[in-house]
Amino acid sequence: MGPYSLDGLHYAPITPDTMVWKTGMSDWVKAGTLPELQSLLTDKSRSDSLEEPPQKSGDISQQNIHITNTFQTHYPAPPNHLTEAIIVTIISALCCCSPVSVVLGIIAIVSANKVDTLASQGYREQATAESNKAQKMIYWAAGISIIWWIVTFIINLTTSIFSNLL
């Protein structure tokens, strides 16, 4: 969200834990740590409505403070499972020859590739959903590969046993 001027922050829904940044700062910090926001955060009469702030003329660009959602900045991206997806796809393609598990592995790779991009853009829920989808596809691909290998082994063993009996 933002940028907001100091006057505009009077109407913004911020708390001492809201992450803020302004020109000249190297990183985001909690609003409660900035001296210029202390009076705003402790002012009990401050309006919590979301009505538009009054417009002021003049250059206030040096006082703009960008606000971001704490949830997006403090929590790391969910695991992308890209390495596991690639390994399962390669093993499925080389060892098992199961086309279903190869396709599921490719779907897992595509989903895993989306996770970091979505998380970096602030779409944590979608990133988590893609991470979960990638993990599910990995499990399905691995499971189908194992079943495919077992069935193939049993068929080959049975064929070998019956051919020796005749």
N, C-alpha and C. Protein backbone atom coordinates (compact mmCIF):
# COMPACT_ATOMS: atom_id res chain seq x y z
N MET A 1 0.85 -1.17 0.00
CA MET A 1 0.00 0.00 0.00
C MET A 1 0.89 1.23 0.00
N GLY A 2 0.31 2.32 -0.34
CA GLY A 2 1.05 3.57 -0.28
C GLY A 2 1.59 3.97 -1.63
N PRO A 3 2.36 5.00 -1.73
CA PRO A 3 2.92 5.73 -0.60
C PRO A 3 1.89 6.65 0.07
N TYR A 4 2.13 6.91 1.34
CA TYR A 4 1.30 7.82 2.12
C TYR A 4 2.16 8.96 2.61
N SER A 5 1.58 10.14 2.68
CA SER A 5 2.26 11.23 3.36
C SER A 5 2.03 11.02 4.86
N LEU A 6 2.73 11.78 5.70
CA LEU A 6 2.50 11.66 7.14
C LEU A 6 1.06 12.00 7.49
N ASP A 7 0.48 13.00 6.81
CA ASP A 7 -0.93 13.34 7.05
C ASP A 7 -1.84 12.22 6.57
N GLY A 8 -1.50 11.59 5.46
CA GLY A 8 -2.31 10.50 4.93
C GLY A 8 -2.30 9.28 5.83
N LEU A 9 -1.23 9.08 6.58
CA LEU A 9 -1.16 7.94 7.49
C LEU A 9 -2.18 8.06 8.62
N HIS A 10 -2.64 9.26 8.88
CA HIS A 10 -3.65 9.47 9.91
C HIS A 10 -4.91 8.66 9.57
N TYR A 11 -5.15 8.45 8.28
CA TYR A 11 -6.35 7.73 7.83
C TYR A 11 -6.06 6.28 7.43
N ALA A 12 -4.80 5.88 7.49
CA ALA A 12 -4.43 4.52 7.09
C ALA A 12 -4.54 3.58 8.29
N PRO A 13 -4.95 2.35 8.05
CA PRO A 13 -5.08 1.38 9.15
C PRO A 13 -3.73 0.77 9.51
N ILE A 14 -2.92 1.50 10.29
CA ILE A 14 -1.61 0.96 10.66
C ILE A 14 -1.55 0.73 12.15
N THR A 15 -0.67 -0.18 12.54
CA THR A 15 -0.42 -0.49 13.94
C THR A 15 1.08 -0.37 14.17
N PRO A 16 1.54 -0.45 15.41
CA PRO A 16 2.98 -0.40 15.64
C PRO A 16 3.75 -1.54 14.94
N ASP A 17 3.07 -2.63 14.61
CA ASP A 17 3.73 -3.77 13.96
C ASP A 17 3.67 -3.72 12.44
N THR A 18 2.98 -2.74 11.87
CA THR A 18 2.92 -2.61 10.41
C THR A 18 4.30 -2.25 9.88
N MET A 19 4.72 -2.95 8.83
CA MET A 19 6.03 -2.70 8.24
C MET A 19 5.96 -1.47 7.33
N VAL A 20 6.89 -0.53 7.52
CA VAL A 20 6.93 0.70 6.72
C VAL A 20 8.33 0.94 6.18
N TRP A 21 8.38 1.73 5.12
CA TRP A 21 9.66 2.10 4.51
C TRP A 21 9.50 3.49 3.95
N LYS A 22 10.57 4.29 4.00
CA LYS A 22 10.57 5.60 3.38
C LYS A 22 11.92 5.82 2.70
N THR A 23 11.95 6.78 1.82
CA THR A 23 13.17 7.11 1.10
C THR A 23 14.31 7.35 2.08
N GLY A 24 15.44 6.75 1.79
CA GLY A 24 16.60 6.90 2.64
C GLY A 24 16.81 5.73 3.60
N MET A 25 15.79 4.88 3.78
CA MET A 25 15.93 3.72 4.66
C MET A 25 16.44 2.54 3.85
N SER A 26 17.27 1.73 4.46
CA SER A 26 17.83 0.57 3.75
C SER A 26 16.89 -0.62 3.77
N ASP A 27 15.98 -0.68 4.73
CA ASP A 27 15.09 -1.84 4.83
C ASP A 27 13.77 -1.43 5.49
N TRP A 28 12.80 -2.31 5.43
CA TRP A 28 11.50 -2.09 6.07
C TRP A 28 11.66 -2.25 7.58
N VAL A 29 10.93 -1.42 8.33
CA VAL A 29 10.96 -1.50 9.80
C VAL A 29 9.53 -1.42 10.31
N LYS A 30 9.35 -1.80 11.58
CA LYS A 30 8.03 -1.68 12.20
C LYS A 30 7.72 -0.21 12.43
N ALA A 31 6.47 0.17 12.19
CA ALA A 31 6.06 1.56 12.33
C ALA A 31 6.34 2.09 13.73
N GLY A 32 6.21 1.23 14.74
CA GLY A 32 6.43 1.65 16.12
C GLY A 32 7.86 2.05 16.43
N THR A 33 8.80 1.73 15.54
CA THR A 33 10.21 2.07 15.79
C THR A 33 10.59 3.43 15.22
N LEU A 34 9.71 4.04 14.44
CA LEU A 34 10.03 5.34 13.84
C LEU A 34 9.53 6.48 14.72
N PRO A 35 10.43 7.36 15.14
CA PRO A 35 10.03 8.47 16.01
C PRO A 35 8.94 9.34 15.40
N GLU A 36 9.00 9.57 14.07
CA GLU A 36 8.02 10.45 13.44
C GLU A 36 6.61 9.86 13.42
N LEU A 37 6.47 8.57 13.73
CA LEU A 37 5.14 7.94 13.75
C LEU A 37 4.62 7.72 15.16
N GLN A 38 5.44 7.99 16.17
CA GLN A 38 5.03 7.74 17.55
C GLN A 38 3.76 8.49 17.93
N SER A 39 3.69 9.75 17.59
CA SER A 39 2.50 10.53 17.97
C SER A 39 1.26 10.02 17.23
N LEU A 40 1.44 9.59 16.00
CA LEU A 40 0.33 9.05 15.22
C LEU A 40 -0.18 7.75 15.84
N LEU A 41 0.73 6.89 16.25
CA LEU A 41 0.36 5.58 16.79
C LEU A 41 -0.21 5.67 18.20
N THR A 42 0.19 6.68 18.97
CA THR A 42 -0.30 6.80 20.34
C THR A 42 -1.52 7.71 20.45
N ASP A 43 -1.85 8.41 19.37
CA ASP A 43 -3.00 9.32 19.37
C ASP A 43 -4.28 8.49 19.41
N LYS A 44 -4.93 8.48 20.57
CA LYS A 44 -6.16 7.68 20.74
C LYS A 44 -7.35 8.25 19.98
N SER A 45 -7.25 9.52 19.60
CA SER A 45 -8.38 10.14 18.91
C SER A 45 -8.28 9.99 17.40
N ARG A 46 -7.28 9.29 16.93
CA ARG A 46 -7.08 9.16 15.48
C ARG A 46 -8.24 8.40 14.86
N SER A 47 -8.65 8.84 13.70
CA SER A 47 -9.79 8.25 13.01
C SER A 47 -9.40 6.90 12.44
N ASP A 48 -10.22 5.90 12.68
CA ASP A 48 -9.99 4.58 12.10
C ASP A 48 -10.81 4.37 10.84
N SER A 49 -11.48 5.42 10.39
CA SER A 49 -12.26 5.28 9.17
C SER A 49 -11.32 5.29 7.97
N LEU A 50 -11.81 4.78 6.87
CA LEU A 50 -11.00 4.72 5.66
C LEU A 50 -11.37 5.83 4.68
N GLU A 51 -11.94 6.92 5.19
CA GLU A 51 -12.29 8.02 4.30
C GLU A 51 -11.03 8.66 3.76
N GLU A 52 -11.17 9.36 2.65
CA GLU A 52 -10.03 9.97 1.98
C GLU A 52 -9.38 11.04 2.86
N PRO A 53 -8.08 11.10 2.91
CA PRO A 53 -7.40 12.15 3.67
C PRO A 53 -7.55 13.48 2.97
N PRO A 54 -7.43 14.56 3.72
CA PRO A 54 -7.51 15.87 3.08
C PRO A 54 -6.33 16.07 2.14
N GLN A 55 -6.58 16.73 1.03
CA GLN A 55 -5.52 16.97 0.04
C GLN A 55 -4.75 18.21 0.44
N LYS A 56 -3.43 18.13 0.36
CA LYS A 56 -2.59 19.28 0.68
C LYS A 56 -1.75 19.59 -0.54
N SER A 57 -1.46 20.83 -0.70
CA SER A 57 -0.60 21.21 -1.81
C SER A 57 0.84 21.27 -1.32
N GLY A 58 1.75 21.29 -2.24
CA GLY A 58 3.16 21.37 -1.86
C GLY A 58 3.85 20.03 -2.04
N ASP A 59 5.16 20.05 -1.95
CA ASP A 59 5.96 18.85 -2.15
C ASP A 59 6.11 18.11 -0.82
N ILE A 60 5.51 16.93 -0.74
CA ILE A 60 5.63 16.13 0.47
C ILE A 60 6.31 14.81 0.17
N SER A 61 6.99 14.71 -0.99
CA SER A 61 7.59 13.44 -1.39
C SER A 61 8.64 12.94 -0.40
N GLN A 62 9.32 13.85 0.31
CA GLN A 62 10.33 13.42 1.26
C GLN A 62 9.72 12.80 2.51
N GLN A 63 8.43 13.01 2.73
CA GLN A 63 7.78 12.48 3.92
C GLN A 63 6.94 11.24 3.62
N ASN A 64 6.92 10.78 2.37
CA ASN A 64 6.10 9.62 2.03
C ASN A 64 6.62 8.36 2.70
N ILE A 65 5.70 7.58 3.21
CA ILE A 65 6.05 6.31 3.84
C ILE A 65 5.21 5.23 3.18
N HIS A 66 5.86 4.24 2.60
CA HIS A 66 5.16 3.13 1.97
C HIS A 66 4.79 2.14 3.06
N ILE A 67 3.63 1.53 2.94
CA ILE A 67 3.21 0.55 3.94
C ILE A 67 3.00 -0.78 3.22
N THR A 68 3.44 -1.83 3.83
CA THR A 68 3.20 -3.16 3.27
C THR A 68 2.53 -4.02 4.32
N ASN A 69 1.89 -5.06 3.87
CA ASN A 69 1.22 -5.98 4.77
C ASN A 69 2.29 -6.79 5.51
N THR A 70 2.23 -6.79 6.84
CA THR A 70 3.20 -7.51 7.65
C THR A 70 3.27 -8.98 7.26
N PHE A 71 2.13 -9.56 6.93
CA PHE A 71 2.08 -10.99 6.59
C PHE A 71 2.97 -11.29 5.40
N GLN A 72 3.01 -10.40 4.44
CA GLN A 72 3.79 -10.63 3.24
C GLN A 72 5.28 -10.42 3.45
N THR A 73 5.66 -9.58 4.37
CA THR A 73 7.08 -9.27 4.49
C THR A 73 7.80 -10.11 5.53
N HIS A 74 7.10 -10.64 6.51
CA HIS A 74 7.76 -11.36 7.59
C HIS A 74 7.82 -12.87 7.38
N TYR A 75 6.98 -13.42 6.56
CA TYR A 75 6.94 -14.85 6.40
C TYR A 75 7.67 -15.26 5.13
N PRO A 76 8.53 -16.27 5.23
CA PRO A 76 9.27 -16.70 4.04
C PRO A 76 8.34 -17.38 3.04
N ALA A 77 8.78 -17.46 1.81
CA ALA A 77 8.00 -18.14 0.79
C ALA A 77 7.86 -19.61 1.16
N PRO A 78 6.74 -20.23 0.81
CA PRO A 78 6.61 -21.66 1.08
C PRO A 78 7.62 -22.43 0.23
N PRO A 79 7.94 -23.66 0.62
CA PRO A 79 8.91 -24.43 -0.17
C PRO A 79 8.39 -24.66 -1.58
N ASN A 80 9.28 -24.58 -2.56
CA ASN A 80 8.80 -24.73 -3.94
C ASN A 80 8.87 -26.18 -4.44
N HIS A 81 9.62 -27.05 -3.81
CA HIS A 81 9.71 -28.47 -4.17
C HIS A 81 10.24 -28.69 -5.58
N LEU A 82 10.96 -27.73 -6.13
CA LEU A 82 11.44 -27.84 -7.51
C LEU A 82 12.44 -28.98 -7.67
N THR A 83 13.37 -29.10 -6.75
CA THR A 83 14.37 -30.16 -6.85
C THR A 83 13.71 -31.54 -6.85
N GLU A 84 12.77 -31.75 -5.92
CA GLU A 84 12.09 -33.04 -5.85
C GLU A 84 11.30 -33.32 -7.12
N ALA A 85 10.66 -32.28 -7.66
CA ALA A 85 9.87 -32.44 -8.88
C ALA A 85 10.76 -32.86 -10.06
N ILE A 86 11.92 -32.24 -10.16
CA ILE A 86 12.84 -32.59 -11.25
C ILE A 86 13.35 -34.03 -11.09
N ILE A 87 13.73 -34.39 -9.88
CA ILE A 87 14.24 -35.74 -9.63
C ILE A 87 13.18 -36.79 -9.95
N VAL A 88 11.97 -36.61 -9.46
CA VAL A 88 10.90 -37.58 -9.73
C VAL A 88 10.62 -37.68 -11.22
N THR A 89 10.62 -36.57 -11.92
CA THR A 89 10.37 -36.59 -13.37
C THR A 89 11.47 -37.34 -14.11
N ILE A 90 12.71 -37.08 -13.76
CA ILE A 90 13.82 -37.76 -14.43
C ILE A 90 13.80 -39.26 -14.13
N ILE A 91 13.61 -39.62 -12.88
CA ILE A 91 13.56 -41.05 -12.53
C ILE A 91 12.39 -41.73 -13.21
N SER A 92 11.24 -41.06 -13.25
CA SER A 92 10.07 -41.63 -13.91
C SER A 92 10.33 -41.83 -15.40
N ALA A 93 11.00 -40.89 -16.02
CA ALA A 93 11.26 -40.99 -17.45
C ALA A 93 12.31 -42.04 -17.77
N LEU A 94 13.36 -42.12 -16.95
CA LEU A 94 14.47 -43.03 -17.26
C LEU A 94 14.24 -44.47 -16.79
N CYS A 95 13.65 -44.63 -15.64
CA CYS A 95 13.57 -45.96 -15.04
C CYS A 95 12.23 -46.66 -15.24
N CYS A 96 11.19 -45.92 -15.23
CA CYS A 96 9.88 -46.56 -15.18
C CYS A 96 9.12 -46.52 -16.50
N CYS A 97 9.42 -45.56 -17.29
CA CYS A 97 8.72 -45.38 -18.56
C CYS A 97 7.22 -45.25 -18.39
N SER A 98 6.78 -44.75 -17.26
CA SER A 98 5.37 -44.52 -17.02
C SER A 98 5.01 -43.12 -17.52
N PRO A 99 4.26 -43.02 -18.61
CA PRO A 99 3.94 -41.69 -19.12
C PRO A 99 3.11 -40.85 -18.15
N VAL A 100 2.29 -41.51 -17.36
CA VAL A 100 1.45 -40.77 -16.40
C VAL A 100 2.33 -40.09 -15.35
N SER A 101 3.31 -40.82 -14.82
CA SER A 101 4.16 -40.22 -13.79
C SER A 101 5.06 -39.13 -14.36
N VAL A 102 5.46 -39.27 -15.62
CA VAL A 102 6.25 -38.21 -16.26
C VAL A 102 5.42 -36.94 -16.40
N VAL A 103 4.18 -37.09 -16.84
CA VAL A 103 3.29 -35.92 -16.98
C VAL A 103 3.04 -35.28 -15.62
N LEU A 104 2.80 -36.08 -14.60
CA LEU A 104 2.60 -35.53 -13.26
C LEU A 104 3.85 -34.82 -12.76
N GLY A 105 5.02 -35.36 -13.09
CA GLY A 105 6.28 -34.71 -12.72
C GLY A 105 6.44 -33.36 -13.40
N ILE A 106 6.03 -33.29 -14.66
CA ILE A 106 6.11 -32.01 -15.38
C ILE A 106 5.14 -30.99 -14.77
N ILE A 107 3.95 -31.44 -14.42
CA ILE A 107 3.00 -30.55 -13.75
C ILE A 107 3.59 -30.06 -12.43
N ALA A 108 4.27 -30.94 -11.71
CA ALA A 108 4.91 -30.55 -10.44
C ALA A 108 5.99 -29.51 -10.68
N ILE A 109 6.77 -29.68 -11.75
CA ILE A 109 7.82 -28.70 -12.07
C ILE A 109 7.21 -27.34 -12.37
N VAL A 110 6.14 -27.31 -13.15
CA VAL A 110 5.49 -26.04 -13.49
C VAL A 110 4.95 -25.36 -12.23
N SER A 111 4.28 -26.12 -11.37
CA SER A 111 3.74 -25.55 -10.13
C SER A 111 4.86 -25.06 -9.22
N ALA A 112 5.92 -25.86 -9.10
CA ALA A 112 7.05 -25.48 -8.25
C ALA A 112 7.70 -24.20 -8.74
N ASN A 113 7.73 -24.03 -10.05
CA ASN A 113 8.34 -22.84 -10.64
C ASN A 113 7.54 -21.57 -10.34
N LYS A 114 6.25 -21.70 -10.10
CA LYS A 114 5.40 -20.54 -9.82
C LYS A 114 5.51 -20.05 -8.38
N VAL A 115 5.93 -20.92 -7.46
CA VAL A 115 5.89 -20.61 -6.03
C VAL A 115 6.67 -19.35 -5.67
N ASP A 116 7.93 -19.29 -6.04
CA ASP A 116 8.76 -18.14 -5.65
C ASP A 116 8.29 -16.84 -6.28
N THR A 117 7.84 -16.92 -7.53
CA THR A 117 7.36 -15.72 -8.21
C THR A 117 6.12 -15.16 -7.50
N LEU A 118 5.16 -16.04 -7.20
CA LEU A 118 3.94 -15.60 -6.52
C LEU A 118 4.26 -15.04 -5.13
N ALA A 119 5.14 -15.71 -4.41
CA ALA A 119 5.49 -15.25 -3.06
C ALA A 119 6.18 -13.89 -3.10
N SER A 120 7.06 -13.70 -4.08
CA SER A 120 7.78 -12.42 -4.16
C SER A 120 6.86 -11.28 -4.56
N GLN A 121 5.75 -11.60 -5.22
CA GLN A 121 4.78 -10.57 -5.59
C GLN A 121 3.75 -10.34 -4.49
N GLY A 122 3.87 -11.07 -3.39
CA GLY A 122 2.96 -10.87 -2.26
C GLY A 122 1.74 -11.75 -2.28
N TYR A 123 1.66 -12.70 -3.20
CA TYR A 123 0.51 -13.59 -3.28
C TYR A 123 0.79 -14.86 -2.49
N ARG A 124 0.84 -14.73 -1.18
CA ARG A 124 1.23 -15.85 -0.31
C ARG A 124 0.27 -17.02 -0.41
N GLU A 125 -1.02 -16.77 -0.43
CA GLU A 125 -1.99 -17.88 -0.48
C GLU A 125 -1.86 -18.66 -1.79
N GLN A 126 -1.72 -17.96 -2.91
CA GLN A 126 -1.55 -18.65 -4.19
C GLN A 126 -0.23 -19.40 -4.23
N ALA A 127 0.82 -18.82 -3.66
CA ALA A 127 2.12 -19.48 -3.61
C ALA A 127 2.03 -20.76 -2.78
N THR A 128 1.33 -20.70 -1.67
CA THR A 128 1.14 -21.88 -0.83
C THR A 128 0.34 -22.95 -1.57
N ALA A 129 -0.69 -22.51 -2.30
CA ALA A 129 -1.50 -23.47 -3.07
C ALA A 129 -0.66 -24.15 -4.15
N GLU A 130 0.18 -23.40 -4.84
CA GLU A 130 1.06 -23.99 -5.87
C GLU A 130 2.08 -24.92 -5.24
N SER A 131 2.59 -24.56 -4.06
CA SER A 131 3.54 -25.42 -3.35
C SER A 131 2.88 -26.75 -2.99
N ASN A 132 1.66 -26.66 -2.47
CA ASN A 132 0.92 -27.88 -2.12
C ASN A 132 0.62 -28.72 -3.35
N LYS A 133 0.26 -28.07 -4.45
CA LYS A 133 -0.02 -28.78 -5.70
C LYS A 133 1.23 -29.50 -6.20
N ALA A 134 2.37 -28.82 -6.16
CA ALA A 134 3.62 -29.44 -6.60
C ALA A 134 3.94 -30.66 -5.74
N GLN A 135 3.76 -30.52 -4.43
CA GLN A 135 4.05 -31.65 -3.54
C GLN A 135 3.11 -32.83 -3.82
N LYS A 136 1.84 -32.54 -4.04
CA LYS A 136 0.88 -33.61 -4.37
C LYS A 136 1.25 -34.32 -5.66
N MET A 137 1.62 -33.55 -6.67
CA MET A 137 1.99 -34.15 -7.96
C MET A 137 3.25 -35.00 -7.83
N ILE A 138 4.18 -34.57 -6.98
CA ILE A 138 5.40 -35.36 -6.73
C ILE A 138 5.03 -36.70 -6.10
N TYR A 139 4.17 -36.66 -5.09
CA TYR A 139 3.75 -37.91 -4.43
C TYR A 139 3.03 -38.84 -5.41
N TRP A 140 2.12 -38.26 -6.20
CA TRP A 140 1.41 -39.08 -7.18
C TRP A 140 2.36 -39.67 -8.22
N ALA A 141 3.27 -38.86 -8.73
CA ALA A 141 4.23 -39.34 -9.73
C ALA A 141 5.11 -40.44 -9.15
N ALA A 142 5.60 -40.26 -7.94
CA ALA A 142 6.44 -41.28 -7.31
C ALA A 142 5.64 -42.56 -7.04
N GLY A 143 4.42 -42.40 -6.54
CA GLY A 143 3.57 -43.56 -6.27
C GLY A 143 3.25 -44.36 -7.52
N ILE A 144 2.88 -43.66 -8.58
CA ILE A 144 2.56 -44.33 -9.84
C ILE A 144 3.80 -45.00 -10.41
N SER A 145 4.94 -44.36 -10.30
CA SER A 145 6.19 -44.97 -10.78
C SER A 145 6.51 -46.26 -10.03
N ILE A 146 6.36 -46.24 -8.72
CA ILE A 146 6.63 -47.44 -7.92
C ILE A 146 5.65 -48.55 -8.28
N ILE A 147 4.36 -48.21 -8.37
CA ILE A 147 3.36 -49.23 -8.76
C ILE A 147 3.65 -49.75 -10.16
N TRP A 148 4.00 -48.86 -11.08
CA TRP A 148 4.32 -49.26 -12.45
C TRP A 148 5.49 -50.24 -12.46
N TRP A 149 6.53 -49.94 -11.66
CA TRP A 149 7.70 -50.81 -11.59
C TRP A 149 7.34 -52.17 -10.99
N ILE A 150 6.55 -52.20 -9.93
CA ILE A 150 6.15 -53.46 -9.29
C ILE A 150 5.32 -54.31 -10.25
N VAL A 151 4.34 -53.70 -10.92
CA VAL A 151 3.50 -54.44 -11.87
C VAL A 151 4.35 -54.99 -13.01
N THR A 152 5.25 -54.17 -13.53
CA THR A 152 6.14 -54.62 -14.61
C THR A 152 7.02 -55.77 -14.14
N PHE A 153 7.54 -55.68 -12.94
CA PHE A 153 8.37 -56.75 -12.38
C PHE A 153 7.57 -58.05 -12.25
N ILE A 154 6.36 -57.96 -11.72
CA ILE A 154 5.52 -59.15 -11.54
C ILE A 154 5.17 -59.77 -12.89
N ILE A 155 4.85 -58.96 -13.86
CA ILE A 155 4.53 -59.47 -15.20
C ILE A 155 5.74 -60.17 -15.80
N ASN A 156 6.90 -59.54 -15.71
CA ASN A 156 8.13 -60.16 -16.24
C ASN A 156 8.47 -61.45 -15.50
N LEU A 157 8.32 -61.46 -14.19
CA LEU A 157 8.59 -62.66 -13.40
C LEU A 157 7.64 -63.78 -13.76
N THR A 158 6.36 -63.46 -13.85
CA THR A 158 5.34 -64.45 -14.20
C THR A 158 5.58 -65.00 -15.60
N THR A 159 5.89 -64.15 -16.53
CA THR A 159 6.18 -64.58 -17.91
C THR A 159 7.39 -65.50 -17.92
N SER A 160 8.41 -65.17 -17.17
CA SER A 160 9.62 -65.98 -17.12
C SER A 160 9.35 -67.36 -16.51
N ILE A 161 8.57 -67.38 -15.42
CA ILE A 161 8.24 -68.65 -14.77
C ILE A 161 7.42 -69.55 -15.69
N PHE A 162 6.40 -68.99 -16.35
CA PHE A 162 5.55 -69.80 -17.23
C PHE A 162 6.27 -70.24 -18.49
N SER A 163 7.18 -69.46 -18.98
CA SER A 163 7.93 -69.86 -20.18
C SER A 163 8.87 -71.03 -19.87
N ASN A 164 9.38 -71.08 -18.62
CA ASN A 164 10.24 -72.19 -18.23
C ASN A 164 9.46 -73.46 -17.98
N LEU A 165 8.20 -73.37 -17.62
CA LEU A 165 7.36 -74.53 -17.36
C LEU A 165 6.95 -75.23 -18.66
N LEU A 166 6.87 -74.50 -19.73
CA LEU A 166 6.40 -75.08 -20.99
C LEU A 166 7.50 -75.66 -21.75
